[in-house]
N, C-alpha and C. Protein backbone atom coordinates (compact mmCIF):
# COMPACT_ATOMS: atom_id res chain seq x y z
N MET A 1 72.20 -11.60 171.19
CA MET A 1 70.66 -11.32 169.77
C MET A 1 70.98 -9.99 169.38
N PRO A 2 71.40 -9.94 168.45
CA PRO A 2 70.69 -8.05 168.22
C PRO A 2 69.90 -7.77 168.32
N ALA A 3 69.79 -6.50 168.92
CA ALA A 3 68.63 -5.54 169.34
C ALA A 3 67.76 -5.42 167.47
N PRO A 4 66.29 -5.92 168.48
CA PRO A 4 65.15 -5.71 167.14
C PRO A 4 64.89 -4.33 166.65
N PHE A 5 65.86 -4.32 165.86
CA PHE A 5 65.74 -2.79 164.95
C PHE A 5 64.18 -2.31 164.49
N GLU A 6 64.19 -3.87 163.72
CA GLU A 6 62.89 -3.55 163.18
C GLU A 6 61.60 -3.20 163.89
N ILE A 7 61.89 -3.42 165.23
CA ILE A 7 60.61 -2.26 165.49
C ILE A 7 60.39 -1.26 165.69
N ILE A 8 59.90 -0.65 165.72
CA ILE A 8 59.89 1.46 165.87
C ILE A 8 58.66 1.58 166.34
N ALA A 9 59.34 2.75 167.09
CA ALA A 9 58.60 3.34 167.82
C ALA A 9 58.63 4.61 168.41
N ALA A 10 58.35 5.26 167.01
CA ALA A 10 59.13 6.76 167.04
C ALA A 10 58.37 8.39 166.12
N PRO A 11 58.71 9.64 166.66
CA PRO A 11 57.73 10.39 165.50
C PRO A 11 57.86 10.61 164.41
N PHE A 12 57.15 10.96 163.61
CA PHE A 12 57.57 11.84 162.06
C PHE A 12 57.19 13.20 162.24
N THR A 13 58.17 13.72 161.41
CA THR A 13 57.76 14.93 161.10
C THR A 13 57.50 15.07 159.14
N ALA A 14 56.48 16.30 159.05
CA ALA A 14 56.35 16.16 157.64
C ALA A 14 56.74 17.60 157.24
N TRP A 15 57.01 17.63 155.73
CA TRP A 15 57.39 18.94 155.51
C TRP A 15 56.46 19.50 154.01
N TRP A 16 56.24 20.15 153.48
CA TRP A 16 55.76 20.90 152.34
C TRP A 16 56.37 21.26 151.05
N ALA A 17 56.11 20.65 149.73
CA ALA A 17 57.07 22.03 149.34
C ALA A 17 56.32 22.60 147.62
N PRO A 18 56.76 22.93 146.62
CA PRO A 18 56.32 22.84 146.17
C PRO A 18 56.44 21.61 144.99
N VAL A 19 55.36 21.48 144.13
CA VAL A 19 55.28 20.04 143.08
C VAL A 19 56.43 20.26 142.50
N GLY A 20 57.55 19.37 142.51
CA GLY A 20 58.64 19.71 141.15
C GLY A 20 60.04 19.91 142.29
N THR A 21 60.01 20.09 143.58
CA THR A 21 60.91 20.72 144.44
C THR A 21 61.52 18.56 144.96
N ALA A 22 63.36 19.59 144.57
CA ALA A 22 63.95 18.11 144.70
C ALA A 22 63.65 17.79 145.97
N PHE A 23 63.55 16.31 146.77
CA PHE A 23 64.21 16.10 148.12
C PHE A 23 65.48 15.94 148.63
N PRO A 24 65.58 16.46 149.99
CA PRO A 24 67.00 16.38 150.82
C PRO A 24 67.06 15.49 150.15
N ALA A 25 68.44 15.00 150.53
CA ALA A 25 69.03 13.17 150.84
C ALA A 25 68.38 12.70 152.04
N LEU A 26 68.60 11.97 152.24
CA LEU A 26 67.95 11.16 153.69
C LEU A 26 69.63 12.09 154.76
N GLY A 27 69.00 12.40 155.69
CA GLY A 27 69.85 12.68 157.10
C GLY A 27 69.86 14.60 156.66
N ALA A 28 69.99 14.73 155.43
CA ALA A 28 70.30 16.74 155.16
C ALA A 28 69.14 17.71 156.21
N VAL A 29 69.30 17.96 155.95
CA VAL A 29 68.52 19.54 156.59
C VAL A 29 67.53 20.06 155.61
N PRO A 30 66.05 19.67 155.57
CA PRO A 30 65.39 19.97 154.41
C PRO A 30 65.84 21.64 154.85
N ALA A 31 65.48 21.91 153.47
CA ALA A 31 65.83 24.01 153.46
C ALA A 31 65.26 24.23 152.13
N GLY A 32 65.96 25.88 151.81
CA GLY A 32 65.50 25.71 150.66
C GLY A 32 63.68 26.48 150.57
N ASP A 33 63.12 25.53 149.74
CA ASP A 33 61.28 25.43 149.56
C ASP A 33 60.60 24.62 150.69
N TRP A 34 61.66 23.69 151.02
CA TRP A 34 60.90 22.77 152.68
C TRP A 34 60.86 23.88 153.78
N THR A 35 59.02 23.04 153.35
CA THR A 35 58.51 24.29 155.20
C THR A 35 58.20 23.28 155.81
N LEU A 36 58.18 23.68 157.02
CA LEU A 36 58.09 23.05 158.30
C LEU A 36 56.47 22.40 158.09
N ILE A 37 55.61 20.87 158.73
CA ILE A 37 54.14 21.50 158.97
C ILE A 37 54.57 21.41 160.73
N GLY A 38 53.03 22.59 161.00
CA GLY A 38 53.67 22.70 162.22
C GLY A 38 54.66 23.74 163.08
N THR A 39 54.52 24.26 163.57
CA THR A 39 55.30 25.47 164.43
C THR A 39 56.73 24.75 164.83
N SER A 40 56.90 23.68 165.60
CA SER A 40 57.28 23.18 166.15
C SER A 40 57.44 21.45 166.12
N GLY A 41 57.27 21.26 164.20
CA GLY A 41 57.27 19.90 164.03
C GLY A 41 57.01 18.81 165.00
N ASP A 42 57.22 17.92 165.66
CA ASP A 42 55.96 16.90 165.71
C ASP A 42 56.33 17.43 167.29
N GLU A 43 56.49 18.49 167.82
CA GLU A 43 56.52 18.65 169.12
C GLU A 43 54.93 19.76 168.86
N SER A 44 54.53 19.87 167.32
CA SER A 44 52.94 20.27 167.27
C SER A 44 51.89 19.58 166.60
N TYR A 45 52.60 18.20 166.94
CA TYR A 45 51.23 17.33 166.50
C TYR A 45 50.89 16.22 167.63
N ASP A 46 49.90 15.64 167.42
CA ASP A 46 48.49 15.45 168.11
C ASP A 46 49.61 13.83 168.25
N PRO A 47 49.28 13.02 170.17
CA PRO A 47 49.90 12.30 169.89
C PRO A 47 49.45 10.64 169.24
N GLU A 48 48.40 10.61 168.46
CA GLU A 48 48.22 9.75 167.53
C GLU A 48 48.99 9.67 166.74
N GLY A 49 50.14 10.80 166.27
CA GLY A 49 51.22 10.09 165.35
C GLY A 49 51.05 10.74 163.69
N VAL A 50 51.46 9.94 162.92
CA VAL A 50 51.62 9.71 161.94
C VAL A 50 50.97 8.45 160.84
N SER A 51 50.29 8.78 160.07
CA SER A 51 49.63 7.52 159.58
C SER A 51 49.94 7.44 158.45
N ILE A 52 50.25 6.78 157.50
CA ILE A 52 50.57 6.18 156.04
C ILE A 52 49.22 5.13 155.74
N GLU A 53 48.33 5.36 154.87
CA GLU A 53 47.61 4.30 154.43
C GLU A 53 47.80 4.03 153.00
N HIS A 54 48.14 2.74 152.74
CA HIS A 54 48.66 2.03 151.24
C HIS A 54 47.71 1.43 150.88
N GLY A 55 45.77 2.05 150.09
CA GLY A 55 44.82 1.93 150.07
C GLY A 55 45.04 1.24 148.20
N GLN A 56 44.22 0.42 148.61
CA GLN A 56 43.92 -0.89 146.96
C GLN A 56 42.49 -0.92 146.70
N ASP A 57 42.48 -1.27 145.55
CA ASP A 57 41.28 -1.99 145.29
C ASP A 57 41.07 -2.85 144.49
N VAL A 58 41.18 -4.03 144.43
CA VAL A 58 41.41 -5.32 143.29
C VAL A 58 40.17 -6.08 143.09
N ASN A 59 39.85 -6.51 142.06
CA ASN A 59 38.96 -7.73 141.20
C ASN A 59 39.84 -8.20 141.26
N ALA A 60 39.45 -9.58 142.11
CA ALA A 60 39.75 -10.72 142.09
C ALA A 60 38.62 -11.65 141.42
N VAL A 61 39.59 -12.73 140.10
CA VAL A 61 38.79 -12.89 139.06
C VAL A 61 38.08 -14.74 139.61
N ARG A 62 37.26 -14.65 139.70
CA ARG A 62 36.48 -15.87 140.11
C ARG A 62 35.61 -16.39 138.45
N PRO A 63 36.55 -17.55 138.07
CA PRO A 63 35.28 -18.34 136.45
C PRO A 63 34.24 -19.22 137.37
N LEU A 64 33.13 -19.56 136.28
CA LEU A 64 31.98 -20.40 136.68
C LEU A 64 32.59 -21.85 136.67
N GLY A 65 33.77 -22.02 137.02
CA GLY A 65 34.32 -23.66 137.58
C GLY A 65 35.05 -23.51 138.59
N SER A 66 34.87 -22.32 139.06
CA SER A 66 36.01 -22.40 140.37
C SER A 66 35.50 -21.51 141.76
N THR A 67 35.80 -21.91 142.55
CA THR A 67 35.25 -20.93 144.00
C THR A 67 36.23 -19.97 144.00
N ALA A 68 37.19 -19.93 143.99
CA ALA A 68 38.27 -19.54 144.16
C ALA A 68 38.94 -18.69 143.51
N PRO A 69 39.29 -17.30 142.87
CA PRO A 69 39.53 -16.57 142.03
C PRO A 69 41.30 -17.10 142.14
N ILE A 70 40.75 -16.70 140.18
CA ILE A 70 42.61 -17.08 139.67
C ILE A 70 43.30 -16.31 139.06
N LYS A 71 42.75 -15.08 139.08
CA LYS A 71 43.31 -13.92 138.33
C LYS A 71 42.78 -13.10 139.68
N ALA A 72 43.86 -11.46 139.54
CA ALA A 72 43.58 -10.75 140.37
C ALA A 72 44.37 -9.06 139.30
N PHE A 73 43.15 -8.23 139.20
CA PHE A 73 43.26 -7.23 138.12
C PHE A 73 43.50 -5.89 139.33
N ARG A 74 44.37 -5.24 139.67
CA ARG A 74 44.17 -4.15 140.66
C ARG A 74 43.57 -2.66 139.07
N ARG A 75 42.14 -2.61 139.83
CA ARG A 75 41.92 -1.21 139.51
C ARG A 75 41.78 -0.11 140.05
N GLU A 76 42.18 0.29 141.69
CA GLU A 76 42.55 1.47 141.85
C GLU A 76 43.90 1.50 143.03
N GLU A 77 44.48 2.23 142.93
CA GLU A 77 45.43 2.33 144.32
C GLU A 77 45.49 4.01 144.57
N ASP A 78 46.12 3.79 146.09
CA ASP A 78 45.64 4.98 146.80
C ASP A 78 46.91 5.52 147.89
N LEU A 79 47.67 6.26 148.31
CA LEU A 79 48.81 6.45 148.60
C LEU A 79 47.92 8.15 150.16
N VAL A 80 47.60 7.61 151.37
CA VAL A 80 46.95 8.80 152.30
C VAL A 80 47.74 8.93 153.22
N VAL A 81 47.95 10.35 153.60
CA VAL A 81 48.83 9.89 155.03
C VAL A 81 48.03 11.37 155.67
N THR A 82 47.73 11.20 157.10
CA THR A 82 47.01 11.34 157.67
C THR A 82 47.54 12.04 159.11
N PHE A 83 47.44 12.65 159.49
CA PHE A 83 47.98 13.54 161.16
C PHE A 83 47.34 14.61 161.56
N THR A 84 47.42 14.84 162.96
CA THR A 84 46.64 15.78 163.39
C THR A 84 47.55 16.91 164.03
N ILE A 85 47.31 18.54 163.81
CA ILE A 85 48.36 19.22 164.25
C ILE A 85 48.14 20.11 165.56
N TRP A 86 48.51 20.46 166.39
CA TRP A 86 48.24 21.37 167.44
C TRP A 86 48.50 23.02 167.32
N ASP A 87 48.02 23.42 166.26
CA ASP A 87 48.74 24.59 165.55
C ASP A 87 47.99 25.61 164.76
N VAL A 88 46.96 26.53 165.68
CA VAL A 88 46.22 27.00 164.48
C VAL A 88 46.84 28.20 163.93
N THR A 89 47.84 28.35 163.74
CA THR A 89 48.31 29.56 163.24
C THR A 89 48.45 29.85 161.66
N LEU A 90 47.92 30.90 161.16
CA LEU A 90 47.34 30.97 159.66
C LEU A 90 48.80 30.50 159.35
N GLU A 91 50.05 30.36 159.36
CA GLU A 91 50.28 29.66 158.25
C GLU A 91 50.58 28.18 157.94
N GLN A 92 50.05 27.71 159.45
CA GLN A 92 49.39 26.36 159.01
C GLN A 92 48.13 26.49 158.61
N TYR A 93 47.14 27.09 158.86
CA TYR A 93 45.55 26.96 159.10
C TYR A 93 45.96 26.77 157.35
N ARG A 94 46.48 27.63 156.97
CA ARG A 94 45.94 27.92 155.11
C ARG A 94 46.55 26.27 154.51
N LEU A 95 46.78 25.66 154.95
CA LEU A 95 47.27 24.06 154.58
C LEU A 95 45.30 23.62 154.30
N GLY A 96 45.16 23.10 155.15
CA GLY A 96 43.40 23.06 155.31
C GLY A 96 42.72 24.17 154.40
N LEU A 97 43.18 25.18 154.06
CA LEU A 97 42.37 25.77 153.14
C LEU A 97 42.51 25.76 151.74
N ASN A 98 43.15 25.20 151.21
CA ASN A 98 43.83 25.22 149.85
C ASN A 98 45.00 26.24 150.02
N SER A 99 45.32 26.14 150.40
CA SER A 99 47.03 26.52 150.71
C SER A 99 47.07 28.62 150.29
N ASN A 100 45.14 28.44 150.36
CA ASN A 100 45.10 30.26 150.36
C ASN A 100 46.17 30.96 150.93
N GLU A 101 46.44 31.90 150.73
CA GLU A 101 47.86 33.05 150.91
C GLU A 101 47.38 33.62 152.39
N VAL A 102 48.28 34.10 153.55
CA VAL A 102 47.90 34.86 154.54
C VAL A 102 48.26 36.22 153.99
N THR A 103 47.72 36.97 154.70
CA THR A 103 47.41 38.50 154.21
C THR A 103 47.47 38.93 155.48
N THR A 104 49.34 39.68 154.99
CA THR A 104 49.64 40.82 157.01
C THR A 104 49.23 42.21 156.25
N VAL A 105 49.61 42.28 157.98
CA VAL A 105 48.95 44.65 158.37
C VAL A 105 49.79 44.03 159.34
N ALA A 106 50.75 45.11 158.96
CA ALA A 106 51.74 45.76 159.89
C ALA A 106 50.72 46.52 161.22
N ALA A 107 51.37 46.38 162.10
CA ALA A 107 51.03 47.95 163.12
C ALA A 107 51.38 48.98 162.79
N GLY A 108 51.00 50.09 162.76
CA GLY A 108 50.62 51.06 162.85
C GLY A 108 50.38 51.92 164.31
N ALA A 109 50.57 53.00 164.03
CA ALA A 109 50.42 54.30 164.77
C ALA A 109 49.01 53.66 165.68
N GLY A 110 48.76 53.01 166.69
CA GLY A 110 47.58 53.54 166.94
C GLY A 110 46.09 52.78 166.48
N THR A 111 47.20 51.31 165.47
CA THR A 111 46.25 50.63 165.08
C THR A 111 47.50 48.92 164.83
N ILE A 112 46.48 48.24 165.50
CA ILE A 112 46.62 46.57 165.64
C ILE A 112 47.24 45.74 164.42
N GLY A 113 48.40 45.01 164.45
CA GLY A 113 48.81 44.54 163.21
C GLY A 113 48.25 43.25 163.25
N THR A 114 47.34 43.10 161.92
CA THR A 114 46.72 41.32 161.70
C THR A 114 47.49 40.49 160.64
N LYS A 115 46.63 39.36 160.27
CA LYS A 115 46.75 38.17 159.29
C LYS A 115 45.18 37.85 159.80
N SER A 116 45.38 37.39 158.05
CA SER A 116 44.04 36.52 157.72
C SER A 116 44.06 35.78 157.01
N VAL A 117 43.30 34.64 156.63
CA VAL A 117 43.17 33.53 155.13
C VAL A 117 42.02 33.70 154.74
N GLN A 118 41.50 33.37 153.79
CA GLN A 118 40.21 33.42 153.03
C GLN A 118 40.20 31.94 153.07
N PHE A 119 38.35 32.01 153.34
CA PHE A 119 37.82 30.20 153.42
C PHE A 119 37.36 29.73 152.09
N TYR A 120 37.54 30.75 151.09
CA TYR A 120 36.82 29.57 149.95
C TYR A 120 37.94 29.76 149.04
N LYS A 121 37.74 28.03 148.68
CA LYS A 121 39.52 27.13 147.83
C LYS A 121 38.65 27.50 146.25
N GLY A 122 37.46 27.63 146.41
CA GLY A 122 37.64 27.40 144.72
C GLY A 122 37.77 26.12 143.84
N ALA A 123 37.20 26.02 142.43
CA ALA A 123 37.55 24.92 142.01
C ALA A 123 38.83 24.22 141.64
N GLN A 124 39.58 24.61 142.11
CA GLN A 124 41.56 24.04 141.52
C GLN A 124 41.86 23.60 143.00
N VAL A 125 42.42 22.46 142.68
CA VAL A 125 42.81 22.21 144.03
C VAL A 125 44.20 22.16 144.19
N ALA A 126 44.85 23.09 144.93
CA ALA A 126 46.69 23.31 145.15
C ALA A 126 46.94 21.86 145.55
N THR A 127 47.86 21.54 144.97
CA THR A 127 48.76 20.40 144.92
C THR A 127 50.22 20.81 145.51
N MET A 128 51.20 20.05 146.29
CA MET A 128 52.29 20.21 146.70
C MET A 128 52.57 18.94 146.76
N ALA A 129 54.34 18.92 147.34
CA ALA A 129 55.30 17.22 147.54
C ALA A 129 55.15 17.60 149.11
N LEU A 130 55.49 16.08 149.60
CA LEU A 130 54.93 15.88 150.77
C LEU A 130 56.67 14.81 151.12
N MET A 131 57.20 14.96 152.32
CA MET A 131 58.08 14.67 153.05
C MET A 131 57.96 14.10 154.63
N LEU A 132 57.93 13.05 154.73
CA LEU A 132 57.96 12.83 156.10
C LEU A 132 59.02 12.22 156.88
N ARG A 133 59.99 12.06 157.81
CA ARG A 133 60.97 11.91 158.22
C ARG A 133 61.24 11.78 159.60
N SER A 134 61.51 10.54 160.14
CA SER A 134 62.36 9.91 161.26
C SER A 134 63.28 9.87 161.50
N GLY A 135 63.97 10.02 162.49
CA GLY A 135 65.19 9.24 163.13
C GLY A 135 65.84 8.43 163.64
N VAL A 136 64.61 7.03 162.63
CA VAL A 136 64.56 5.70 163.12
C VAL A 136 64.78 5.55 161.61
N SER A 137 65.50 3.80 161.99
CA SER A 137 65.64 2.91 160.60
C SER A 137 65.57 1.32 161.33
N PRO A 138 64.54 0.46 160.80
CA PRO A 138 64.04 -0.71 161.22
C PRO A 138 65.46 -1.73 160.81
N TYR A 139 66.43 -0.42 160.42
CA TYR A 139 68.00 -1.15 160.43
C TYR A 139 69.24 -1.15 161.11
N GLY A 140 68.88 0.05 162.06
CA GLY A 140 69.76 0.03 163.15
C GLY A 140 69.38 1.09 163.74
N ASP A 141 70.36 1.68 164.96
CA ASP A 141 70.52 2.88 165.22
C ASP A 141 71.04 3.48 165.04
N ALA A 142 70.68 5.17 165.07
CA ALA A 142 71.35 6.54 165.00
C ALA A 142 71.09 6.25 163.55
N MET A 143 70.29 5.89 162.79
CA MET A 143 69.79 5.89 161.12
C MET A 143 68.32 6.50 161.50
N SER A 144 68.03 6.68 159.78
CA SER A 144 66.72 7.68 159.42
C SER A 144 66.01 6.71 158.34
N MET A 145 64.76 7.55 158.03
CA MET A 145 63.74 6.73 156.87
C MET A 145 63.16 8.55 156.52
N GLN A 146 62.29 8.31 155.52
CA GLN A 146 61.59 8.77 155.12
C GLN A 146 61.14 9.16 153.95
N TYR A 147 59.40 9.06 153.77
CA TYR A 147 58.47 8.83 152.88
C TYR A 147 58.92 9.89 151.76
N GLU A 148 58.40 10.21 150.59
CA GLU A 148 58.48 11.18 149.86
C GLU A 148 57.62 10.92 149.03
N LEU A 149 56.50 11.85 149.08
CA LEU A 149 55.42 11.54 148.19
C LEU A 149 55.71 13.53 147.08
N PRO A 150 56.08 13.36 145.37
CA PRO A 150 56.18 14.29 144.87
C PRO A 150 55.36 14.79 144.67
N ASN A 151 53.79 14.47 144.88
CA ASN A 151 52.71 15.53 144.35
C ASN A 151 51.54 14.27 145.04
N CYS A 152 50.88 15.50 145.62
CA CYS A 152 49.57 15.38 146.68
C CYS A 152 49.03 16.83 147.00
N PHE A 153 47.45 15.89 147.73
CA PHE A 153 46.87 17.22 147.97
C PHE A 153 46.12 17.36 149.06
N GLN A 154 45.87 18.55 149.70
CA GLN A 154 45.45 17.72 151.15
C GLN A 154 43.33 17.88 150.75
N SER A 155 43.48 16.84 151.15
CA SER A 155 42.02 16.35 150.91
C SER A 155 40.83 16.33 151.73
N GLY A 156 41.24 16.28 153.39
CA GLY A 156 40.95 16.23 154.58
C GLY A 156 39.91 17.44 154.54
N ASN A 157 38.67 17.22 155.86
CA ASN A 157 38.07 18.39 156.26
C ASN A 157 38.28 18.90 158.24
N PRO A 158 39.23 19.59 157.98
CA PRO A 158 39.85 19.81 159.55
C PRO A 158 38.80 21.06 159.90
N GLN A 159 38.60 20.24 161.14
CA GLN A 159 37.24 20.56 162.23
C GLN A 159 37.89 21.27 163.68
N PRO A 160 38.78 22.36 163.77
CA PRO A 160 38.93 22.60 164.78
C PRO A 160 38.60 22.78 165.90
N ALA A 161 38.25 22.55 166.65
CA ALA A 161 37.36 22.30 167.87
C ALA A 161 37.78 23.30 168.89
N PHE A 162 37.77 24.34 169.40
CA PHE A 162 38.11 25.30 171.06
C PHE A 162 36.60 24.88 172.24
N ARG A 163 37.39 24.31 172.78
CA ARG A 163 37.32 23.68 174.10
C ARG A 163 38.16 24.20 175.42
N LYS A 164 37.60 24.33 176.24
CA LYS A 164 38.45 24.64 177.55
C LYS A 164 39.40 23.34 177.33
N GLY A 165 40.84 24.00 178.42
CA GLY A 165 41.62 22.52 178.51
C GLY A 165 42.13 21.78 177.66
N GLU A 166 41.95 21.47 176.45
CA GLU A 166 41.87 21.11 175.66
C GLU A 166 42.96 21.68 173.82
N PRO A 167 43.22 21.34 173.57
CA PRO A 167 44.45 22.27 172.14
C PRO A 167 43.27 21.73 170.87
N ALA A 168 43.36 23.01 170.42
CA ALA A 168 42.82 23.00 169.34
C ALA A 168 43.41 22.16 167.96
N GLY A 169 42.97 21.47 167.33
CA GLY A 169 43.55 20.31 166.11
C GLY A 169 43.04 20.97 164.74
N LEU A 170 44.42 20.65 163.53
CA LEU A 170 43.33 20.68 162.37
C LEU A 170 44.45 19.38 161.79
N GLU A 171 42.85 18.73 161.39
CA GLU A 171 43.32 17.19 161.15
C GLU A 171 43.16 16.93 159.37
N PHE A 172 44.83 16.80 158.85
CA PHE A 172 45.83 16.87 157.64
C PHE A 172 45.23 15.58 157.09
N GLU A 173 44.81 15.42 155.55
CA GLU A 173 44.72 13.95 155.24
C GLU A 173 45.77 14.47 153.85
N PHE A 174 46.09 14.02 153.42
CA PHE A 174 47.32 14.06 151.94
C PHE A 174 46.69 12.63 151.70
N THR A 175 46.39 13.01 150.39
CA THR A 175 46.53 11.95 149.13
C THR A 175 47.33 12.12 148.17
N GLY A 176 47.94 11.80 147.56
CA GLY A 176 49.06 11.22 146.18
C GLY A 176 48.15 11.05 145.61
N LEU A 177 49.01 12.34 144.28
CA LEU A 177 48.68 11.94 142.95
C LEU A 177 49.52 11.69 142.10
N LYS A 178 49.85 11.59 141.11
CA LYS A 178 50.96 10.52 140.14
C LYS A 178 51.48 11.78 139.53
N ASP A 179 53.48 11.74 139.94
CA ASP A 179 53.65 13.16 139.50
C ASP A 179 54.06 13.47 138.15
N PRO A 180 53.35 14.58 137.66
CA PRO A 180 53.80 14.98 136.44
C PRO A 180 54.97 14.72 135.19
N ASN A 181 56.01 14.90 136.14
CA ASN A 181 57.62 14.71 136.25
C ASN A 181 58.37 13.82 136.63
N ALA A 182 57.64 12.91 136.87
CA ALA A 182 58.61 11.43 137.27
C ALA A 182 59.29 11.19 135.66
N ALA A 183 60.54 9.92 135.75
CA ALA A 183 61.25 9.73 134.99
C ALA A 183 61.06 8.36 134.42
N THR A 184 60.15 7.98 135.19
CA THR A 184 59.05 6.58 135.08
C THR A 184 58.14 6.56 135.54
N GLU A 185 57.33 5.37 135.28
CA GLU A 185 56.14 4.93 136.02
C GLU A 185 56.54 4.39 137.32
N ALA A 186 57.31 3.86 137.32
CA ALA A 186 57.51 3.46 138.75
C ALA A 186 57.59 4.75 139.64
N GLU A 187 58.33 5.46 139.01
CA GLU A 187 58.57 6.25 139.98
C GLU A 187 57.93 7.65 140.72
N SER A 188 56.40 7.74 139.71
CA SER A 188 55.43 8.75 139.79
C SER A 188 54.62 8.14 141.22
N PHE A 189 54.50 7.95 142.03
CA PHE A 189 54.08 7.92 143.53
C PHE A 189 54.56 7.76 144.52
N GLY A 190 55.99 8.25 143.96
CA GLY A 190 56.56 8.84 145.70
C GLY A 190 57.39 7.25 145.68
N ARG A 191 57.95 7.52 146.82
CA ARG A 191 58.56 6.35 147.95
C ARG A 191 59.47 6.44 148.92
N LEU A 192 59.62 5.02 149.51
CA LEU A 192 60.02 5.34 151.03
C LEU A 192 61.37 5.16 150.93
N VAL A 193 62.26 5.74 151.68
CA VAL A 193 63.91 5.44 151.35
C VAL A 193 64.27 5.38 153.05
N ILE A 194 65.06 4.11 153.11
CA ILE A 194 65.78 3.74 155.28
C ILE A 194 67.01 3.94 155.11
N GLN A 195 67.69 4.54 155.36
CA GLN A 195 69.68 3.97 155.83
C GLN A 195 69.28 3.01 156.14
N HIS A 196 70.28 1.73 155.51
CA HIS A 196 70.30 0.89 156.09
C HIS A 196 72.00 0.67 156.43
N GLN A 197 73.00 1.51 156.31
CA GLN A 197 74.18 1.09 156.49
C GLN A 197 74.70 3.06 157.02
N GLN A 198 75.95 3.25 158.36
CA GLN A 198 76.42 3.60 158.27
C GLN A 198 77.53 4.31 156.64
N ALA A 199 78.06 5.47 156.60
CA ALA A 199 79.10 6.13 155.46
C ALA A 199 80.01 5.30 155.63
N LEU A 200 81.12 4.79 154.63
CA LEU A 200 82.22 4.39 155.29
C LEU A 200 83.35 5.85 155.46
N PRO A 201 84.23 4.80 155.97
CA PRO A 201 85.47 6.01 156.58
C PRO A 201 86.02 6.44 155.35
């Protein structure tokens, strides 16, 4: 009996990039504008892991003469990614603050070096592309898979708590938006890519 590859228990790691950045091929190392979320990748994440929600609001139409619905219309759909990182470096913290820039002041003679980020987010919401990747596949060992969100924004409300003996975490939530650069309507909300075969010799 073949191994039940379809049963998966493995971490995912997230990267972000500016909207319009091409996604790396499955298996290729993310490079260029792709930035790792979490200084140590999935080793910076809370063990609850990465969750993906495919939300929708559907109107099931019931006519006067039937107790059962006879047709359905989708009114809304959402794609939401959530995870918590145990990493409060400002390079990561900024993602929860509308991607505000980090200001760095180098150390000088008798003065310390500092980094700072502004709390004020303003009316305009920063957007980005998001990629989630894991080195597992539901089709076999030594394969991989990745979620690709071409356009999204950080919609969560991080509440880092600083306590004795517990890591401070930033709860991130990324909500998908339609991709303004998509070639077709079907491609506008992203996709899931999974390896199912090894390359031929």
